[in-house]
């Protein structure tokens, strides 16, 4: 699933950057995109192809890839717009901060839908005893390590977008 999401993300980001950000792809961009698409599809699908498995996860993978592409293109727009309006000082830090504020507001928007709000509240406050007893030191360590890697990857992806743009 992850390679397929990555492939769709690259295709959609490429298209969004060309259409909305007026990016002009070079021959190297086209070649790189082609290699990413080919590699992503080769990794995503097992041979012989099982069409039931492909179709079952395809819808969510494509939607996820498109949403990532919208986010990455939006981050590129934020960095370029902020640099144009405010100058070159602290562009990455300010753009990263405001992109995180937008993601936090998007996360809180889930609370507006009753079904999701109930599920979130149930997850936070329900069955606390069982969850506390099942936590081991290893589980806590892996959880923290996962969060460190996730946060680091978010910073690095955004810094790459800042340096080269969504198309590069």
C-alpha atoms as a PDB file:
ATOM      1  CA  UNK A   1       0.000   0.000   0.000  1.00  0.00           C
ATOM      2  CA  UNK A   2       2.745   2.501   0.939  1.00  0.00           C
ATOM      3  CA  UNK A   3       4.538   2.360  -2.440  1.00  0.00           C
ATOM      4  CA  UNK A   4       1.219   2.874  -4.226  1.00  0.00           C
ATOM      5  CA  UNK A   5       0.394   5.876  -2.026  1.00  0.00           C
ATOM      6  CA  UNK A   6       3.864   7.281  -2.741  1.00  0.00           C
ATOM      7  CA  UNK A   7       3.437   6.783  -6.472  1.00  0.00           C
ATOM      8  CA  UNK A   8       0.031   8.470  -6.548  1.00  0.00           C
ATOM      9  CA  UNK A   9       1.410  11.278  -4.361  1.00  0.00           C
ATOM     10  CA  UNK A  10       4.222  11.946  -6.835  1.00  0.00           C
ATOM     11  CA  UNK A  11       1.923  11.935  -9.858  1.00  0.00           C
ATOM     12  CA  UNK A  12      -0.668  14.187  -8.214  1.00  0.00           C
ATOM     13  CA  UNK A  13       1.979  16.555  -6.795  1.00  0.00           C
ATOM     14  CA  UNK A  14       3.540  16.845 -10.224  1.00  0.00           C
ATOM     15  CA  UNK A  15       0.187  17.700 -11.807  1.00  0.00           C
ATOM     16  CA  UNK A  16      -0.846  20.142  -9.063  1.00  0.00           C
ATOM     17  CA  UNK A  17       2.501  21.950  -9.143  1.00  0.00           C
ATOM     18  CA  UNK A  18       2.336  22.331 -12.922  1.00  0.00           C
ATOM     19  CA  UNK A  19      -1.309  23.448 -12.941  1.00  0.00           C
ATOM     20  CA  UNK A  20      -1.576  25.643  -9.826  1.00  0.00           C
ATOM     21  CA  UNK A  21       1.983  26.783  -9.083  1.00  0.00           C
ATOM     22  CA  UNK A  22       3.005  27.319 -12.726  1.00  0.00           C
ATOM     23  CA  UNK A  23       6.043  25.082 -12.312  1.00  0.00           C
ATOM     24  CA  UNK A  24       7.909  24.190 -15.474  1.00  0.00           C
ATOM     25  CA  UNK A  25       9.155  20.602 -15.271  1.00  0.00           C
ATOM     26  CA  UNK A  26      12.545  19.847 -16.760  1.00  0.00           C
ATOM     27  CA  UNK A  27      13.495  16.727 -18.658  1.00  0.00           C
ATOM     28  CA  UNK A  28      15.137  15.453 -15.463  1.00  0.00           C
ATOM     29  CA  UNK A  29      11.847  15.976 -13.560  1.00  0.00           C
ATOM     30  CA  UNK A  30      10.003  13.976 -16.195  1.00  0.00           C
ATOM     31  CA  UNK A  31      12.590  11.197 -16.114  1.00  0.00           C
ATOM     32  CA  UNK A  32      12.566  11.086 -12.290  1.00  0.00           C
ATOM     33  CA  UNK A  33       8.773  10.946 -12.206  1.00  0.00           C
ATOM     34  CA  UNK A  34       8.789   8.115 -14.717  1.00  0.00           C
ATOM     35  CA  UNK A  35      11.289   6.120 -12.643  1.00  0.00           C
ATOM     36  CA  UNK A  36       9.231   6.731  -9.471  1.00  0.00           C
ATOM     37  CA  UNK A  37       6.027   5.617 -11.171  1.00  0.00           C
ATOM     38  CA  UNK A  38       7.614   2.502 -12.630  1.00  0.00           C
ATOM     39  CA  UNK A  39       9.325   1.565  -9.368  1.00  0.00           C
ATOM     40  CA  UNK A  40       6.234   2.278  -7.285  1.00  0.00           C
ATOM     41  CA  UNK A  41       4.022   0.091  -9.433  1.00  0.00           C
ATOM     42  CA  UNK A  42       6.600  -2.709  -9.565  1.00  0.00           C
ATOM     43  CA  UNK A  43       6.855  -2.757  -5.768  1.00  0.00           C
ATOM     44  CA  UNK A  44       3.103  -2.357  -5.182  1.00  0.00           C
ATOM     45  CA  UNK A  45       1.807  -5.320  -7.117  1.00  0.00           C
ATOM     46  CA  UNK A  46       2.665  -8.982  -6.711  1.00  0.00           C
ATOM     47  CA  UNK A  47       3.021 -11.213  -9.724  1.00  0.00           C
ATOM     48  CA  UNK A  48       0.727 -12.881 -10.707  1.00  0.00           C
ATOM     49  CA  UNK A  49      -1.696 -10.011 -10.248  1.00  0.00           C
ATOM     50  CA  UNK A  50      -4.612 -10.672  -7.930  1.00  0.00           C
ATOM     51  CA  UNK A  51      -7.206  -8.151  -9.085  1.00  0.00           C
ATOM     52  CA  UNK A  52      -9.423  -8.501  -6.006  1.00  0.00           C
ATOM     53  CA  UNK A  53      -6.577  -7.399  -3.711  1.00  0.00           C
ATOM     54  CA  UNK A  54      -5.583  -4.562  -6.040  1.00  0.00           C
ATOM     55  CA  UNK A  55      -9.086  -3.084  -6.294  1.00  0.00           C
ATOM     56  CA  UNK A  56      -9.849  -3.467  -2.576  1.00  0.00           C
ATOM     57  CA  UNK A  57      -7.082  -1.137  -1.403  1.00  0.00           C
ATOM     58  CA  UNK A  58      -6.768   1.003  -4.507  1.00  0.00           C
ATOM     59  CA  UNK A  59      -9.488   3.540  -3.667  1.00  0.00           C
ATOM     60  CA  UNK A  60      -8.044   4.444  -0.284  1.00  0.00           C
ATOM     61  CA  UNK A  61      -4.478   4.463  -1.589  1.00  0.00           C
ATOM     62  CA  UNK A  62      -5.337   6.829  -4.434  1.00  0.00           C
ATOM     63  CA  UNK A  63      -7.330   9.135  -2.155  1.00  0.00           C
ATOM     64  CA  UNK A  64      -4.522   9.173   0.386  1.00  0.00           C
ATOM     65  CA  UNK A  65      -1.955   9.961  -2.308  1.00  0.00           C
ATOM     66  CA  UNK A  66      -4.060  12.820  -3.664  1.00  0.00           C
ATOM     67  CA  UNK A  67      -4.519  14.308  -0.189  1.00  0.00           C
ATOM     68  CA  UNK A  68      -0.762  14.100   0.467  1.00  0.00           C
ATOM     69  CA  UNK A  69      -0.157  15.821  -2.871  1.00  0.00           C
ATOM     70  CA  UNK A  70      -2.554  18.630  -1.976  1.00  0.00           C
ATOM     71  CA  UNK A  71      -0.746  19.075   1.335  1.00  0.00           C
ATOM     72  CA  UNK A  72       2.738  19.091  -0.235  1.00  0.00           C
ATOM     73  CA  UNK A  73       1.674  21.524  -2.946  1.00  0.00           C
ATOM     74  CA  UNK A  74       0.080  23.707  -0.266  1.00  0.00           C
ATOM     75  CA  UNK A  75       3.286  23.664   1.766  1.00  0.00           C
ATOM     76  CA  UNK A  76       5.249  24.731  -1.315  1.00  0.00           C
ATOM     77  CA  UNK A  77       2.784  27.579  -1.854  1.00  0.00           C
ATOM     78  CA  UNK A  78       3.086  28.661   1.806  1.00  0.00           C
ATOM     79  CA  UNK A  79       6.894  28.773   1.643  1.00  0.00           C
ATOM     80  CA  UNK A  80       7.020  30.686  -1.640  1.00  0.00           C
ATOM     81  CA  UNK A  81       4.253  33.105  -0.641  1.00  0.00           C
ATOM     82  CA  UNK A  82       5.809  33.819   2.747  1.00  0.00           C
ATOM     83  CA  UNK A  83       9.225  34.381   1.178  1.00  0.00           C
ATOM     84  CA  UNK A  84       7.764  36.749  -1.407  1.00  0.00           C
ATOM     85  CA  UNK A  85       5.809  38.797   1.148  1.00  0.00           C
ATOM     86  CA  UNK A  86       8.148  38.800   4.140  1.00  0.00           C
ATOM     87  CA  UNK A  87      11.623  38.382   2.703  1.00  0.00           C
ATOM     88  CA  UNK A  88      14.088  35.570   3.145  1.00  0.00           C
ATOM     89  CA  UNK A  89      14.496  35.509   6.919  1.00  0.00           C
ATOM     90  CA  UNK A  90      13.122  32.519   8.872  1.00  0.00           C
ATOM     91  CA  UNK A  91      10.946  31.439   5.955  1.00  0.00           C
ATOM     92  CA  UNK A  92      11.188  27.724   6.702  1.00  0.00           C
ATOM     93  CA  UNK A  93      10.462  28.052  10.425  1.00  0.00           C
ATOM     94  CA  UNK A  94       7.485  30.361   9.922  1.00  0.00           C
ATOM     95  CA  UNK A  95       6.091  28.363   7.010  1.00  0.00           C
ATOM     96  CA  UNK A  96       6.494  25.098   8.926  1.00  0.00           C
ATOM     97  CA  UNK A  97       4.803  26.616  11.990  1.00  0.00           C
ATOM     98  CA  UNK A  98       1.785  27.843  10.028  1.00  0.00           C
ATOM     99  CA  UNK A  99       1.472  24.566   8.126  1.00  0.00           C
ATOM    100  CA  UNK A 100       1.346  22.729  11.476  1.00  0.00           C
ATOM    101  CA  UNK A 101      -1.332  25.140  12.752  1.00  0.00           C
ATOM    102  CA  UNK A 102      -3.391  24.289   9.665  1.00  0.00           C
ATOM    103  CA  UNK A 103      -2.972  20.568  10.295  1.00  0.00           C
ATOM    104  CA  UNK A 104      -4.000  20.991  13.941  1.00  0.00           C
ATOM    105  CA  UNK A 105      -7.141  22.878  12.890  1.00  0.00           C
ATOM    106  CA  UNK A 106      -7.854  20.146  10.349  1.00  0.00           C
ATOM    107  CA  UNK A 107      -7.511  17.537  13.081  1.00  0.00           C
ATOM    108  CA  UNK A 108      -9.879  19.434  15.371  1.00  0.00           C
ATOM    109  CA  UNK A 109     -12.374  19.637  12.518  1.00  0.00           C
ATOM    110  CA  UNK A 110     -12.921  15.885  13.004  1.00  0.00           C
ATOM    111  CA  UNK A 111     -14.587  16.762  16.304  1.00  0.00           C
ATOM    112  CA  UNK A 112     -17.339  18.559  14.388  1.00  0.00           C
ATOM    113  CA  UNK A 113     -18.672  15.237  13.070  1.00  0.00           C
ATOM    114  CA  UNK A 114     -20.619  13.437  15.804  1.00  0.00           C
ATOM    115  CA  UNK A 115     -19.618   9.914  14.752  1.00  0.00           C
ATOM    116  CA  UNK A 116     -15.903  10.747  14.817  1.00  0.00           C
ATOM    117  CA  UNK A 117     -16.200  12.804  18.021  1.00  0.00           C
ATOM    118  CA  UNK A 118     -17.797   9.867  19.895  1.00  0.00           C
ATOM    119  CA  UNK A 119     -15.132   7.474  18.644  1.00  0.00           C
ATOM    120  CA  UNK A 120     -12.311   9.838  19.672  1.00  0.00           C
ATOM    121  CA  UNK A 121     -13.806  10.395  23.122  1.00  0.00           C
ATOM    122  CA  UNK A 122     -14.335   6.651  23.580  1.00  0.00           C
ATOM    123  CA  UNK A 123     -10.712   5.995  22.601  1.00  0.00           C
ATOM    124  CA  UNK A 124      -9.367   8.603  25.015  1.00  0.00           C
ATOM    125  CA  UNK A 125     -11.550   7.912  28.058  1.00  0.00           C
ATOM    126  CA  UNK A 126     -12.808   4.341  27.615  1.00  0.00           C
ATOM    127  CA  UNK A 127     -11.330   1.174  29.133  1.00  0.00           C
ATOM    128  CA  UNK A 128      -8.397   2.968  30.714  1.00  0.00           C
ATOM    129  CA  UNK A 129      -7.498   0.088  33.091  1.00  0.00           C
ATOM    130  CA  UNK A 130      -6.965  -2.443  30.313  1.00  0.00           C
ATOM    131  CA  UNK A 131      -4.783  -0.081  28.316  1.00  0.00           C
ATOM    132  CA  UNK A 132      -2.575   0.919  31.275  1.00  0.00           C
ATOM    133  CA  UNK A 133      -1.995  -2.696  32.336  1.00  0.00           C
ATOM    134  CA  UNK A 134      -1.026  -3.816  28.836  1.00  0.00           C
ATOM    135  CA  UNK A 135       1.720  -1.207  28.400  1.00  0.00           C
ATOM    136  CA  UNK A 136       5.224  -2.505  28.772  1.00  0.00           C
ATOM    137  CA  UNK A 137       8.473  -0.580  28.720  1.00  0.00           C
ATOM    138  CA  UNK A 138       9.205  -1.984  25.263  1.00  0.00           C
ATOM    139  CA  UNK A 139       5.826  -0.779  23.933  1.00  0.00           C
ATOM    140  CA  UNK A 140       6.346   2.710  25.361  1.00  0.00           C
ATOM    141  CA  UNK A 141       9.875   2.846  23.904  1.00  0.00           C
ATOM    142  CA  UNK A 142       8.650   1.785  20.444  1.00  0.00           C
ATOM    143  CA  UNK A 143       5.812   4.303  20.620  1.00  0.00           C
ATOM    144  CA  UNK A 144       8.201   7.154  21.467  1.00  0.00           C
ATOM    145  CA  UNK A 145      10.687   6.053  18.821  1.00  0.00           C
ATOM    146  CA  UNK A 146       7.878   5.972  16.263  1.00  0.00           C
ATOM    147  CA  UNK A 147       6.870   9.539  17.193  1.00  0.00           C
ATOM    148  CA  UNK A 148      10.476  10.739  16.960  1.00  0.00           C
ATOM    149  CA  UNK A 149      10.885   9.191  13.500  1.00  0.00           C
ATOM    150  CA  UNK A 150       7.521  10.569  12.352  1.00  0.00           C
ATOM    151  CA  UNK A 151       8.304  14.087  13.550  1.00  0.00           C
ATOM    152  CA  UNK A 152      11.778  13.988  12.032  1.00  0.00           C
ATOM    153  CA  UNK A 153      10.433  12.794   8.687  1.00  0.00           C
ATOM    154  CA  UNK A 154       7.839  15.569   8.698  1.00  0.00           C
ATOM    155  CA  UNK A 155      10.525  18.199   9.259  1.00  0.00           C
ATOM    156  CA  UNK A 156      12.802  16.695   6.600  1.00  0.00           C
ATOM    157  CA  UNK A 157      10.028  16.408   3.989  1.00  0.00           C
ATOM    158  CA  UNK A 158       8.990  20.006   4.603  1.00  0.00           C
ATOM    159  CA  UNK A 159      12.593  21.191   4.444  1.00  0.00           C
ATOM    160  CA  UNK A 160      13.035  19.384   1.120  1.00  0.00           C
ATOM    161  CA  UNK A 161       9.878  21.079  -0.185  1.00  0.00           C
ATOM    162  CA  UNK A 162      11.204  24.417   1.067  1.00  0.00           C
ATOM    163  CA  UNK A 163      14.572  23.931  -0.642  1.00  0.00           C
ATOM    164  CA  UNK A 164      13.417  22.476  -3.949  1.00  0.00           C
ATOM    165  CA  UNK A 165       9.676  22.974  -4.201  1.00  0.00           C
ATOM    166  CA  UNK A 166       6.980  20.366  -4.580  1.00  0.00           C
ATOM    167  CA  UNK A 167       8.006  19.494  -8.116  1.00  0.00           C
ATOM    168  CA  UNK A 168      11.726  18.934  -7.552  1.00  0.00           C
END
